[in-house]
Amino acid sequence: MHALGLTVLEPVRVIAVVNTEYRVGFAYQTLPGHPVCGEEAFILERRDENIFLTIRSLTKPSSAMPWRVLYPLLRVAQVLARWRYFRALKLKS
């Protein structure tokens, strides 16, 4: 991730992949060094002419400093990122 002229590493491991006729997506788990601890999933589903994006996020503060104390700001960043994902999908459809 790049923010405010800084590069932040966000190591993850993909733990599941969905690839069916009407659904595609993946889920990942954070690895040590990630600013938060948890899992996130992104699933696109087509129903008739409509496309739906589901994002599931289960995160908690990382035990590593400085991320632990910055967690409230990281939550704001997560919300903004989701807004950007949904906005991009809306613009493309």
N, C-alpha and C. Protein backbone atom coordinates (compact mmCIF):
# COMPACT_ATOMS: atom_id res chain seq x y z
N MET A 1 0.85 -1.17 0.00
CA MET A 1 0.00 0.00 0.00
C MET A 1 0.89 1.23 0.00
N HIS A 2 0.47 2.25 -0.72
CA HIS A 2 1.19 3.53 -0.75
C HIS A 2 0.26 4.59 -0.19
N ALA A 3 0.73 5.32 0.82
CA ALA A 3 -0.07 6.40 1.41
C ALA A 3 0.87 7.47 1.95
N LEU A 4 0.56 8.70 1.67
CA LEU A 4 1.32 9.84 2.17
C LEU A 4 2.81 9.72 1.88
N GLY A 5 3.14 9.18 0.71
CA GLY A 5 4.53 9.04 0.33
C GLY A 5 5.25 7.86 0.98
N LEU A 6 4.54 7.05 1.73
CA LEU A 6 5.13 5.89 2.40
C LEU A 6 4.63 4.60 1.76
N THR A 7 5.47 3.59 1.79
CA THR A 7 5.07 2.26 1.35
C THR A 7 4.92 1.38 2.58
N VAL A 8 3.74 0.76 2.73
CA VAL A 8 3.46 -0.13 3.85
C VAL A 8 3.28 -1.53 3.29
N LEU A 9 4.06 -2.47 3.79
CA LEU A 9 3.93 -3.86 3.36
C LEU A 9 2.73 -4.49 4.06
N GLU A 10 1.95 -5.25 3.32
CA GLU A 10 0.76 -5.92 3.86
C GLU A 10 0.80 -7.39 3.45
N PRO A 11 1.68 -8.19 4.07
CA PRO A 11 1.79 -9.60 3.67
C PRO A 11 0.52 -10.39 3.97
N VAL A 12 0.09 -11.18 2.98
CA VAL A 12 -1.12 -12.00 3.12
C VAL A 12 -0.90 -13.35 2.45
N ARG A 13 -1.78 -14.30 2.79
CA ARG A 13 -1.78 -15.61 2.14
C ARG A 13 -3.21 -15.88 1.69
N VAL A 14 -3.39 -16.22 0.41
CA VAL A 14 -4.71 -16.57 -0.10
C VAL A 14 -5.07 -17.93 0.49
N ILE A 15 -6.25 -18.01 1.12
CA ILE A 15 -6.66 -19.25 1.79
C ILE A 15 -7.85 -19.92 1.11
N ALA A 16 -8.51 -19.21 0.18
CA ALA A 16 -9.64 -19.81 -0.54
C ALA A 16 -9.84 -19.07 -1.85
N VAL A 17 -10.28 -19.83 -2.86
CA VAL A 17 -10.60 -19.25 -4.17
C VAL A 17 -11.97 -19.77 -4.58
N VAL A 18 -12.81 -18.87 -5.08
CA VAL A 18 -14.13 -19.23 -5.59
C VAL A 18 -14.10 -18.97 -7.09
N ASN A 19 -14.48 -19.97 -7.88
CA ASN A 19 -14.48 -19.81 -9.33
C ASN A 19 -15.55 -20.72 -9.91
N THR A 20 -16.78 -20.22 -9.93
CA THR A 20 -17.90 -20.97 -10.50
C THR A 20 -18.48 -20.16 -11.66
N GLU A 21 -19.53 -20.68 -12.25
CA GLU A 21 -20.13 -19.99 -13.40
C GLU A 21 -20.62 -18.59 -13.05
N TYR A 22 -21.14 -18.42 -11.85
CA TYR A 22 -21.75 -17.14 -11.46
C TYR A 22 -21.04 -16.42 -10.32
N ARG A 23 -20.02 -17.04 -9.74
CA ARG A 23 -19.31 -16.43 -8.61
C ARG A 23 -17.80 -16.57 -8.78
N VAL A 24 -17.08 -15.48 -8.49
CA VAL A 24 -15.62 -15.50 -8.47
C VAL A 24 -15.15 -14.70 -7.28
N GLY A 25 -14.02 -15.09 -6.74
CA GLY A 25 -13.48 -14.32 -5.64
C GLY A 25 -12.39 -15.07 -4.91
N PHE A 26 -11.98 -14.50 -3.80
CA PHE A 26 -10.92 -15.11 -3.00
C PHE A 26 -11.01 -14.60 -1.56
N ALA A 27 -10.34 -15.30 -0.68
CA ALA A 27 -10.20 -14.88 0.72
C ALA A 27 -8.73 -14.95 1.07
N TYR A 28 -8.30 -14.02 1.90
CA TYR A 28 -6.91 -14.06 2.35
C TYR A 28 -6.83 -13.90 3.86
N GLN A 29 -5.70 -14.36 4.39
CA GLN A 29 -5.40 -14.25 5.81
C GLN A 29 -4.14 -13.38 5.92
N THR A 30 -4.13 -12.47 6.90
CA THR A 30 -2.95 -11.65 7.08
C THR A 30 -1.82 -12.47 7.68
N LEU A 31 -0.60 -12.07 7.38
CA LEU A 31 0.60 -12.72 7.90
C LEU A 31 1.33 -11.76 8.84
N PRO A 32 2.26 -12.25 9.64
CA PRO A 32 3.03 -11.35 10.50
C PRO A 32 3.64 -10.20 9.71
N GLY A 33 3.57 -9.01 10.27
CA GLY A 33 4.05 -7.81 9.60
C GLY A 33 2.93 -7.00 8.97
N HIS A 34 1.74 -7.59 8.84
CA HIS A 34 0.59 -6.86 8.30
C HIS A 34 0.09 -5.88 9.36
N PRO A 35 -0.40 -4.71 8.97
CA PRO A 35 -0.89 -3.73 9.94
C PRO A 35 -2.07 -4.21 10.80
N VAL A 36 -2.87 -5.15 10.30
CA VAL A 36 -3.98 -5.71 11.08
C VAL A 36 -3.85 -7.23 11.09
N CYS A 37 -4.63 -7.87 11.94
CA CYS A 37 -4.63 -9.32 12.04
C CYS A 37 -6.03 -9.81 11.68
N GLY A 38 -6.14 -10.75 10.73
CA GLY A 38 -7.46 -11.26 10.41
C GLY A 38 -7.56 -11.81 9.00
N GLU A 39 -8.82 -11.82 8.51
CA GLU A 39 -9.12 -12.35 7.18
C GLU A 39 -10.05 -11.40 6.45
N GLU A 40 -9.97 -11.47 5.12
CA GLU A 40 -10.87 -10.68 4.28
C GLU A 40 -11.24 -11.52 3.07
N ALA A 41 -12.49 -11.39 2.62
CA ALA A 41 -12.96 -12.12 1.44
C ALA A 41 -13.64 -11.15 0.49
N PHE A 42 -13.45 -11.38 -0.80
CA PHE A 42 -14.03 -10.57 -1.86
C PHE A 42 -14.71 -11.52 -2.85
N ILE A 43 -16.03 -11.41 -2.98
CA ILE A 43 -16.77 -12.30 -3.87
C ILE A 43 -17.64 -11.46 -4.80
N LEU A 44 -17.48 -11.68 -6.12
CA LEU A 44 -18.36 -11.09 -7.13
C LEU A 44 -19.35 -12.15 -7.56
N GLU A 45 -20.62 -11.76 -7.60
CA GLU A 45 -21.67 -12.71 -7.99
C GLU A 45 -22.56 -12.08 -9.05
N ARG A 46 -22.83 -12.85 -10.10
CA ARG A 46 -23.72 -12.36 -11.16
C ARG A 46 -25.07 -13.04 -11.00
N ARG A 47 -26.12 -12.21 -10.93
CA ARG A 47 -27.50 -12.69 -10.90
C ARG A 47 -28.26 -11.97 -11.99
N ASP A 48 -28.58 -12.70 -13.04
CA ASP A 48 -29.21 -12.12 -14.22
C ASP A 48 -28.33 -11.00 -14.76
N GLU A 49 -28.85 -9.79 -14.83
CA GLU A 49 -28.09 -8.65 -15.36
C GLU A 49 -27.36 -7.88 -14.26
N ASN A 50 -27.46 -8.32 -13.03
CA ASN A 50 -26.88 -7.59 -11.90
C ASN A 50 -25.61 -8.26 -11.40
N ILE A 51 -24.68 -7.43 -10.92
CA ILE A 51 -23.45 -7.92 -10.32
C ILE A 51 -23.39 -7.40 -8.89
N PHE A 52 -23.10 -8.32 -7.96
CA PHE A 52 -23.03 -7.98 -6.55
C PHE A 52 -21.62 -8.25 -6.04
N LEU A 53 -21.12 -7.33 -5.22
CA LEU A 53 -19.82 -7.50 -4.59
C LEU A 53 -20.05 -7.67 -3.10
N THR A 54 -19.53 -8.76 -2.55
CA THR A 54 -19.59 -8.99 -1.11
C THR A 54 -18.17 -8.93 -0.58
N ILE A 55 -17.98 -8.10 0.45
CA ILE A 55 -16.70 -8.02 1.13
C ILE A 55 -16.93 -8.37 2.59
N ARG A 56 -16.21 -9.37 3.04
CA ARG A 56 -16.29 -9.77 4.45
C ARG A 56 -14.93 -9.52 5.06
N SER A 57 -14.92 -8.78 6.16
CA SER A 57 -13.66 -8.43 6.81
C SER A 57 -13.76 -8.73 8.29
N LEU A 58 -12.85 -9.57 8.77
CA LEU A 58 -12.77 -9.90 10.19
C LEU A 58 -11.36 -9.55 10.64
N THR A 59 -11.20 -8.37 11.23
CA THR A 59 -9.88 -7.93 11.61
C THR A 59 -9.86 -7.42 13.04
N LYS A 60 -8.67 -7.43 13.60
CA LYS A 60 -8.42 -6.87 14.93
C LYS A 60 -7.05 -6.22 14.88
N PRO A 61 -6.70 -5.46 15.90
CA PRO A 61 -5.39 -4.80 15.88
C PRO A 61 -4.25 -5.83 15.83
N SER A 62 -3.23 -5.48 15.10
CA SER A 62 -2.01 -6.28 15.09
C SER A 62 -1.35 -6.15 16.46
N SER A 63 -0.60 -7.16 16.84
CA SER A 63 0.11 -7.07 18.12
C SER A 63 1.39 -6.25 17.99
N ALA A 64 1.80 -5.95 16.75
CA ALA A 64 3.05 -5.22 16.51
C ALA A 64 2.83 -3.72 16.60
N MET A 65 3.79 -3.04 17.15
CA MET A 65 3.80 -1.58 17.17
C MET A 65 4.41 -1.11 15.85
N PRO A 66 4.05 0.00 15.26
CA PRO A 66 3.09 0.97 15.78
C PRO A 66 1.66 0.68 15.39
N TRP A 67 1.43 -0.44 14.68
CA TRP A 67 0.10 -0.72 14.13
C TRP A 67 -0.97 -0.83 15.21
N ARG A 68 -0.61 -1.37 16.36
CA ARG A 68 -1.62 -1.56 17.42
C ARG A 68 -2.26 -0.22 17.81
N VAL A 69 -1.44 0.81 18.00
CA VAL A 69 -1.98 2.11 18.41
C VAL A 69 -2.62 2.85 17.23
N LEU A 70 -2.25 2.50 16.02
CA LEU A 70 -2.81 3.15 14.84
C LEU A 70 -4.08 2.47 14.33
N TYR A 71 -4.54 1.42 15.03
CA TYR A 71 -5.68 0.64 14.55
C TYR A 71 -6.92 1.50 14.23
N PRO A 72 -7.29 2.47 15.06
CA PRO A 72 -8.47 3.28 14.69
C PRO A 72 -8.32 3.95 13.32
N LEU A 73 -7.14 4.42 12.99
CA LEU A 73 -6.91 5.02 11.67
C LEU A 73 -6.95 3.95 10.57
N LEU A 74 -6.46 2.76 10.89
CA LEU A 74 -6.50 1.67 9.91
C LEU A 74 -7.93 1.26 9.60
N ARG A 75 -8.81 1.31 10.59
CA ARG A 75 -10.23 0.99 10.37
C ARG A 75 -10.84 2.02 9.41
N VAL A 76 -10.50 3.27 9.58
CA VAL A 76 -10.98 4.31 8.66
C VAL A 76 -10.47 4.02 7.25
N ALA A 77 -9.21 3.63 7.14
CA ALA A 77 -8.64 3.30 5.83
C ALA A 77 -9.36 2.10 5.20
N GLN A 78 -9.75 1.11 6.02
CA GLN A 78 -10.50 -0.04 5.49
C GLN A 78 -11.85 0.40 4.93
N VAL A 79 -12.53 1.27 5.65
CA VAL A 79 -13.84 1.75 5.19
C VAL A 79 -13.69 2.52 3.89
N LEU A 80 -12.69 3.38 3.80
CA LEU A 80 -12.45 4.14 2.57
C LEU A 80 -12.10 3.22 1.40
N ALA A 81 -11.30 2.20 1.67
CA ALA A 81 -10.95 1.26 0.59
C ALA A 81 -12.19 0.54 0.09
N ARG A 82 -13.07 0.11 1.00
CA ARG A 82 -14.31 -0.56 0.57
C ARG A 82 -15.17 0.36 -0.26
N TRP A 83 -15.26 1.60 0.15
CA TRP A 83 -16.04 2.58 -0.61
C TRP A 83 -15.48 2.68 -2.03
N ARG A 84 -14.15 2.70 -2.15
CA ARG A 84 -13.52 2.78 -3.47
C ARG A 84 -13.80 1.53 -4.30
N TYR A 85 -13.81 0.34 -3.69
CA TYR A 85 -14.12 -0.90 -4.41
C TYR A 85 -15.53 -0.83 -4.98
N PHE A 86 -16.50 -0.46 -4.13
CA PHE A 86 -17.89 -0.41 -4.58
C PHE A 86 -18.09 0.68 -5.63
N ARG A 87 -17.43 1.80 -5.47
CA ARG A 87 -17.53 2.88 -6.44
C ARG A 87 -16.97 2.45 -7.80
N ALA A 88 -15.84 1.74 -7.78
CA ALA A 88 -15.25 1.25 -9.03
C ALA A 88 -16.18 0.26 -9.71
N LEU A 89 -16.79 -0.60 -8.95
CA LEU A 89 -17.73 -1.56 -9.53
C LEU A 89 -18.93 -0.85 -10.14
N LYS A 90 -19.44 0.16 -9.46
CA LYS A 90 -20.59 0.91 -9.95
C LYS A 90 -20.25 1.64 -11.24
N LEU A 91 -19.06 2.20 -11.31
CA LEU A 91 -18.64 2.94 -12.51
C LEU A 91 -18.44 2.02 -13.70
N LYS A 92 -18.04 0.78 -13.45
CA LYS A 92 -17.78 -0.17 -14.54
C LYS A 92 -19.02 -0.84 -15.06
N SER A 93 -20.11 -0.84 -14.27
CA SER A 93 -21.31 -1.57 -14.71
C SER A 93 -22.24 -0.71 -15.51
